[in-house]
Amino acid sequence: MKPPRAPKRSGQFEKWPTTHVIEGKRQELPDPVVVEEPLEIHVDGAPFTVTMRTPGDDLELAAGLLFGEGVVETAADLAALEAAPDAENRVLARLRPGLTFDARSAARSLPSTAACGVCGKTSIDAVFAKGLPLLEPGRPCVSAEVLEALPERMRAAQKLFAKTGGLHAAALFDAAGDLALLCEDVGRHNAVDKAIGARFLAGRIPLADSLLVLSGRAGFEIVQKAARAGVPIVAAVGSPSSLALRTAERVGMTLVGFLRHGRFNLYTHPGRLML
């Protein structure tokens, strides 16, 4: 028995010894694959969640998740946010004095699933009870030509995807189609949390003039995160879910699916697009 071949790791990807078979011919070449590791997030000394992610932008990921879950409302609610000095893959958040945090009710797990995690009218009502903002109608205005060009612009900026082919992306654009920020991760939700978290920590929420473009599908939780951050237009290269559409319709969000050059499906609030 041959000894196991050890992968060579370099940051967010590792080169895995791989047998490539092309037209019946074998060749031994290292294949770059994306790194996936757990990240523990603790709040005021109590565990909050463990999520699988691609290392990098961990503080932004934690901030975006805490904001998306309603634990914090502004960056000032975080007295401290840092990588644990005594453990890898752990982020420690400390809330400002006077801000209460019930670890038992707030702690959650994030299972890997294609489902949105909630379903039905009762769940939507519960979401709105948390206070998702209603978005300003008619802002921003974006042409169909600009919108259709965004997936290619996003793909061109995905440096890690170009190496591995194994990541999702969440990109923020302005109405002219200029790229403001792109984050990559093995998880769709994590990429969105990283992008929103970066803007949250910079004090740039709400994102009232931004478009959020997704490399995958638009599920309920992603639409919920975008709505909480005040994103008026969400465009995905994949499909939306029914609950994502109901949520977008209710908050006043323009939701686009199957976006690519020459076509897209417009599902909700068309007034922001110039067709």
Protein backbone atom coordinates (compact mmCIF):
# COMPACT_ATOMS: atom_id res chain seq x y z
CA MET A 1 0.00 0.00 0.00
CA LYS A 2 1.35 3.38 -1.02
CA PRO A 3 1.59 6.06 1.67
CA PRO A 4 -1.17 8.68 1.45
CA ARG A 5 -0.38 11.68 -0.67
CA ALA A 6 -0.44 14.86 1.37
CA PRO A 7 -2.00 17.99 -0.13
CA LYS A 8 0.01 21.20 -0.25
CA ARG A 9 -1.91 24.09 1.26
CA SER A 10 -1.59 27.74 0.31
CA GLY A 11 -4.00 30.08 2.12
CA GLN A 12 -7.52 29.66 0.76
CA PHE A 13 -6.78 26.73 -1.52
CA GLU A 14 -4.62 23.64 -1.46
CA LYS A 15 -3.05 21.60 -4.23
CA TRP A 16 -4.39 18.07 -4.05
CA PRO A 17 -2.52 15.24 -5.80
CA THR A 18 -4.95 14.23 -8.54
CA THR A 19 -5.18 11.77 -11.40
CA HIS A 20 -6.53 13.60 -14.45
CA VAL A 21 -8.13 11.36 -17.08
CA ILE A 22 -8.67 12.99 -20.48
CA GLU A 23 -9.78 10.88 -23.44
CA GLY A 24 -8.60 7.78 -21.67
CA LYS A 25 -5.12 9.12 -20.89
CA ARG A 26 -3.94 9.50 -17.30
CA GLN A 27 -1.76 12.26 -15.96
CA GLU A 28 -0.71 12.97 -12.37
CA LEU A 29 -1.03 16.68 -11.64
CA PRO A 30 -1.86 18.66 -8.49
CA ASP A 31 -5.36 20.14 -8.63
CA PRO A 32 -6.13 23.37 -6.69
CA VAL A 33 -9.18 22.86 -4.46
CA VAL A 34 -10.83 25.38 -2.18
CA VAL A 35 -10.21 25.12 1.57
CA GLU A 36 -13.26 24.52 3.75
CA GLU A 37 -12.92 24.75 7.54
CA PRO A 38 -15.22 25.45 10.50
CA LEU A 39 -15.34 28.88 12.08
CA GLU A 40 -16.54 29.25 15.66
CA ILE A 41 -18.14 32.56 16.60
CA HIS A 42 -18.44 33.43 20.29
CA VAL A 43 -20.34 36.40 21.69
CA ASP A 44 -19.54 37.69 25.19
CA GLY A 45 -17.82 34.41 25.99
CA ALA A 46 -20.71 32.20 24.89
CA PRO A 47 -20.78 30.11 21.69
CA PHE A 48 -23.04 31.58 19.01
CA THR A 49 -22.53 29.39 15.96
CA VAL A 50 -20.17 27.21 13.97
CA THR A 51 -20.25 27.73 10.22
CA MET A 52 -18.26 26.08 7.46
CA ARG A 53 -16.37 28.65 5.40
CA THR A 54 -13.32 29.42 3.31
CA PRO A 55 -10.71 31.11 5.55
CA GLY A 56 -10.30 34.82 4.97
CA ASP A 57 -12.37 37.86 5.91
CA ASP A 58 -13.40 36.04 9.08
CA LEU A 59 -14.13 39.21 11.04
CA GLU A 60 -16.31 40.53 8.22
CA LEU A 61 -18.10 37.20 8.06
CA ALA A 62 -18.79 37.26 11.80
CA ALA A 63 -19.95 40.89 11.71
CA GLY A 64 -22.27 40.25 8.77
CA LEU A 65 -23.77 37.21 10.43
CA LEU A 66 -24.32 38.99 13.75
CA PHE A 67 -25.91 41.93 11.94
CA GLY A 68 -28.05 39.68 9.77
CA GLU A 69 -29.30 37.79 12.80
CA GLY A 70 -30.20 40.99 14.66
CA VAL A 71 -27.64 40.58 17.44
CA VAL A 72 -26.18 44.01 16.58
CA GLU A 73 -27.63 47.00 14.75
CA THR A 74 -24.56 49.20 14.20
CA ALA A 75 -20.80 48.77 14.34
CA ALA A 76 -20.86 50.69 17.63
CA ASP A 77 -22.69 47.72 19.20
CA LEU A 78 -19.44 45.76 18.90
CA ALA A 79 -17.02 46.72 21.64
CA ALA A 80 -14.51 44.24 20.24
CA LEU A 81 -14.23 41.79 17.36
CA GLU A 82 -11.06 39.75 17.02
CA ALA A 83 -9.55 36.41 16.15
CA ALA A 84 -9.05 34.26 19.24
CA PRO A 85 -5.41 34.49 20.33
CA ASP A 86 -5.34 30.93 21.64
CA ALA A 87 -7.24 29.01 18.95
CA GLU A 88 -7.44 28.87 15.18
CA ASN A 89 -10.76 29.22 13.39
CA ARG A 90 -12.42 31.15 16.19
CA VAL A 91 -13.71 34.73 16.33
CA LEU A 92 -14.55 36.48 19.58
CA ALA A 93 -17.14 39.25 19.67
CA ARG A 94 -17.83 41.45 22.68
CA LEU A 95 -20.91 43.64 22.77
CA ARG A 96 -20.97 47.18 24.12
CA PRO A 97 -22.00 47.65 27.77
CA GLY A 98 -25.75 47.70 28.20
CA LEU A 99 -26.51 45.54 25.17
CA THR A 100 -28.08 42.30 26.34
CA PHE A 101 -27.38 38.96 24.71
CA ASP A 102 -29.25 35.77 25.57
CA ALA A 103 -26.88 33.03 24.47
CA ARG A 104 -29.46 30.26 24.80
CA SER A 105 -32.06 31.92 22.59
CA ALA A 106 -29.65 33.53 20.15
CA ALA A 107 -27.23 30.65 19.62
CA ARG A 108 -27.85 28.78 16.42
CA SER A 109 -26.35 26.20 14.13
CA LEU A 110 -26.07 26.59 10.39
CA PRO A 111 -26.56 23.17 8.79
CA SER A 112 -25.48 22.67 5.20
CA THR A 113 -28.77 22.40 3.36
CA ALA A 114 -30.38 23.53 0.15
CA ALA A 115 -33.52 24.46 2.06
CA CYS A 116 -34.14 27.97 3.31
CA GLY A 117 -34.69 26.80 6.87
CA VAL A 118 -38.17 28.22 7.24
CA CYS A 119 -41.33 27.92 5.23
CA GLY A 120 -44.89 29.20 5.12
CA LYS A 121 -46.73 32.40 5.95
CA THR A 122 -46.20 32.10 9.69
CA SER A 123 -42.44 32.11 9.18
CA ILE A 124 -42.59 35.21 6.98
CA ASP A 125 -44.66 37.02 9.60
CA ALA A 126 -42.09 36.05 12.22
CA VAL A 127 -39.32 37.46 10.04
CA PHE A 128 -41.12 40.77 9.63
CA ALA A 129 -41.76 40.91 13.35
CA LYS A 130 -37.96 41.33 13.65
CA GLY A 131 -38.25 44.52 11.63
CA LEU A 132 -37.00 44.19 8.06
CA PRO A 133 -36.98 47.68 6.55
CA LEU A 134 -39.18 48.68 3.64
CA LEU A 135 -36.97 49.77 0.74
CA GLU A 136 -37.29 53.13 -0.99
CA PRO A 137 -39.05 52.62 -4.34
CA GLY A 138 -37.46 53.62 -7.63
CA ARG A 139 -33.90 53.86 -6.32
CA PRO A 140 -31.47 53.23 -7.89
CA CYS A 141 -32.35 53.10 -11.60
CA VAL A 142 -30.35 50.57 -13.61
CA SER A 143 -30.42 49.84 -17.33
CA ALA A 144 -30.90 46.32 -18.63
CA GLU A 145 -27.62 46.65 -20.51
CA VAL A 146 -25.68 47.39 -17.32
CA LEU A 147 -27.45 44.61 -15.42
CA GLU A 148 -26.70 41.96 -18.04
CA ALA A 149 -22.98 42.81 -17.97
CA LEU A 150 -22.58 42.25 -14.22
CA PRO A 151 -22.12 38.44 -14.10
CA GLU A 152 -19.12 38.63 -16.45
CA ARG A 153 -17.65 41.51 -14.45
CA MET A 154 -18.13 39.52 -11.26
CA ARG A 155 -16.57 36.40 -12.76
CA ALA A 156 -13.56 38.35 -14.00
CA ALA A 157 -12.89 39.53 -10.42
CA GLN A 158 -13.16 36.05 -8.87
CA LYS A 159 -9.46 35.30 -8.52
CA LEU A 160 -9.86 32.33 -6.20
CA PHE A 161 -12.62 30.81 -8.32
CA ALA A 162 -10.30 31.05 -11.31
CA LYS A 163 -7.84 28.83 -9.44
CA THR A 164 -10.27 26.29 -7.99
CA GLY A 165 -13.68 26.52 -9.66
CA GLY A 166 -15.14 25.80 -6.22
CA LEU A 167 -16.44 29.02 -4.71
CA HIS A 168 -19.49 31.23 -4.66
CA ALA A 169 -19.27 35.00 -4.96
CA ALA A 170 -21.28 37.95 -3.71
CA ALA A 171 -20.52 41.27 -5.37
CA LEU A 172 -21.70 44.81 -4.70
CA PHE A 173 -22.03 47.10 -7.72
CA ASP A 174 -23.26 50.65 -8.14
CA ALA A 175 -25.96 51.68 -10.62
CA ALA A 176 -23.37 52.37 -13.31
CA GLY A 177 -22.11 48.79 -13.06
CA ASP A 178 -18.85 49.60 -11.28
CA LEU A 179 -17.65 46.90 -8.89
CA ALA A 180 -17.37 48.14 -5.30
CA LEU A 181 -16.66 44.91 -3.41
CA LEU A 182 -16.47 41.18 -4.09
CA CYS A 183 -16.22 38.36 -1.57
CA GLU A 184 -15.75 34.65 -2.24
CA ASP A 185 -16.52 31.65 -0.06
CA VAL A 186 -17.39 27.99 -0.32
CA GLY A 187 -20.83 28.94 1.07
CA ARG A 188 -23.28 31.28 -0.67
CA HIS A 189 -24.52 32.71 2.62
CA ASN A 190 -20.97 33.27 3.88
CA ALA A 191 -20.00 35.25 0.78
CA VAL A 192 -23.00 37.52 1.37
CA ASP A 193 -22.18 37.87 5.08
CA LYS A 194 -18.59 38.82 4.25
CA ALA A 195 -19.68 41.53 1.81
CA ILE A 196 -22.36 42.97 4.07
CA GLY A 197 -20.11 42.62 7.11
CA ALA A 198 -17.35 44.65 5.46
CA ARG A 199 -19.78 47.49 4.78
CA PHE A 200 -21.29 47.14 8.26
CA LEU A 201 -17.89 47.51 9.96
CA ALA A 202 -17.18 50.54 7.76
CA GLY A 203 -20.43 52.19 8.87
CA ARG A 204 -21.87 52.09 5.35
CA ILE A 205 -25.24 50.44 6.05
CA PRO A 206 -27.86 50.81 4.59
CA LEU A 207 -26.72 49.97 1.06
CA ALA A 208 -29.45 52.03 -0.57
CA ASP A 209 -27.63 52.57 -3.89
CA SER A 210 -26.13 49.11 -4.29
CA LEU A 211 -26.85 46.03 -6.35
CA LEU A 212 -26.01 42.64 -4.87
CA VAL A 213 -25.06 40.09 -7.52
CA LEU A 214 -24.86 36.39 -6.63
CA SER A 215 -23.01 33.61 -8.42
CA GLY A 216 -25.64 31.05 -7.38
CA ARG A 217 -29.30 31.03 -6.53
CA ALA A 218 -31.25 33.49 -4.39
CA GLY A 219 -32.75 31.73 -1.40
CA PHE A 220 -34.81 33.20 1.41
CA GLU A 221 -31.97 33.71 3.89
CA ILE A 222 -29.86 35.62 1.36
CA VAL A 223 -32.78 37.89 0.46
CA GLN A 224 -33.42 38.42 4.17
CA LYS A 225 -29.77 39.41 4.76
CA ALA A 226 -29.86 41.79 1.79
CA ALA A 227 -33.13 43.36 2.92
CA ARG A 228 -31.81 43.94 6.42
CA ALA A 229 -28.79 45.69 4.90
CA GLY A 230 -31.07 47.88 2.77
CA VAL A 231 -30.04 46.43 -0.61
CA PRO A 232 -32.73 47.42 -3.16
CA ILE A 233 -31.72 45.14 -6.07
CA VAL A 234 -30.58 41.51 -5.82
CA ALA A 235 -29.62 39.69 -9.02
CA ALA A 236 -28.64 36.03 -9.16
CA VAL A 237 -27.30 33.90 -11.97
CA GLY A 238 -29.46 31.07 -10.60
CA SER A 239 -33.07 30.78 -9.55
CA PRO A 240 -34.93 32.34 -6.62
CA SER A 241 -37.05 30.34 -4.21
CA SER A 242 -40.74 31.01 -3.65
CA LEU A 243 -40.13 32.30 -0.14
CA ALA A 244 -37.35 34.58 -1.36
CA LEU A 245 -39.80 36.04 -3.89
CA ARG A 246 -42.52 36.59 -1.28
CA THR A 247 -40.02 38.30 1.00
CA ALA A 248 -38.64 40.51 -1.79
CA GLU A 249 -42.16 41.48 -2.84
CA ARG A 250 -43.08 42.41 0.70
CA VAL A 251 -40.03 44.59 1.46
CA GLY A 252 -40.05 46.30 -1.95
CA MET A 253 -36.91 44.64 -3.34
CA THR A 254 -36.24 44.13 -7.04
CA LEU A 255 -35.29 40.47 -7.46
CA VAL A 256 -33.76 39.14 -10.67
CA GLY A 257 -32.89 35.54 -11.51
CA PHE A 258 -31.14 33.61 -14.29
CA LEU A 259 -29.07 36.69 -15.06
CA ARG A 260 -26.64 36.44 -17.97
CA HIS A 261 -25.72 38.30 -21.12
CA GLY A 262 -28.82 38.86 -23.21
CA ARG A 263 -31.46 37.69 -20.73
CA PHE A 264 -32.79 37.65 -17.19
CA ASN A 265 -36.03 36.99 -15.33
CA LEU A 266 -37.51 39.95 -13.43
CA TYR A 267 -39.74 38.77 -10.58
CA THR A 268 -40.54 41.67 -8.26
CA HIS A 269 -40.70 45.48 -8.22
CA PRO A 270 -39.64 46.24 -11.83
CA GLY A 271 -39.64 50.02 -11.34
CA ARG A 272 -35.89 50.22 -10.69
CA LEU A 273 -34.96 48.72 -14.07
CA MET A 274 -34.97 50.64 -17.34
CA LEU A 275 -36.14 48.11 -19.92
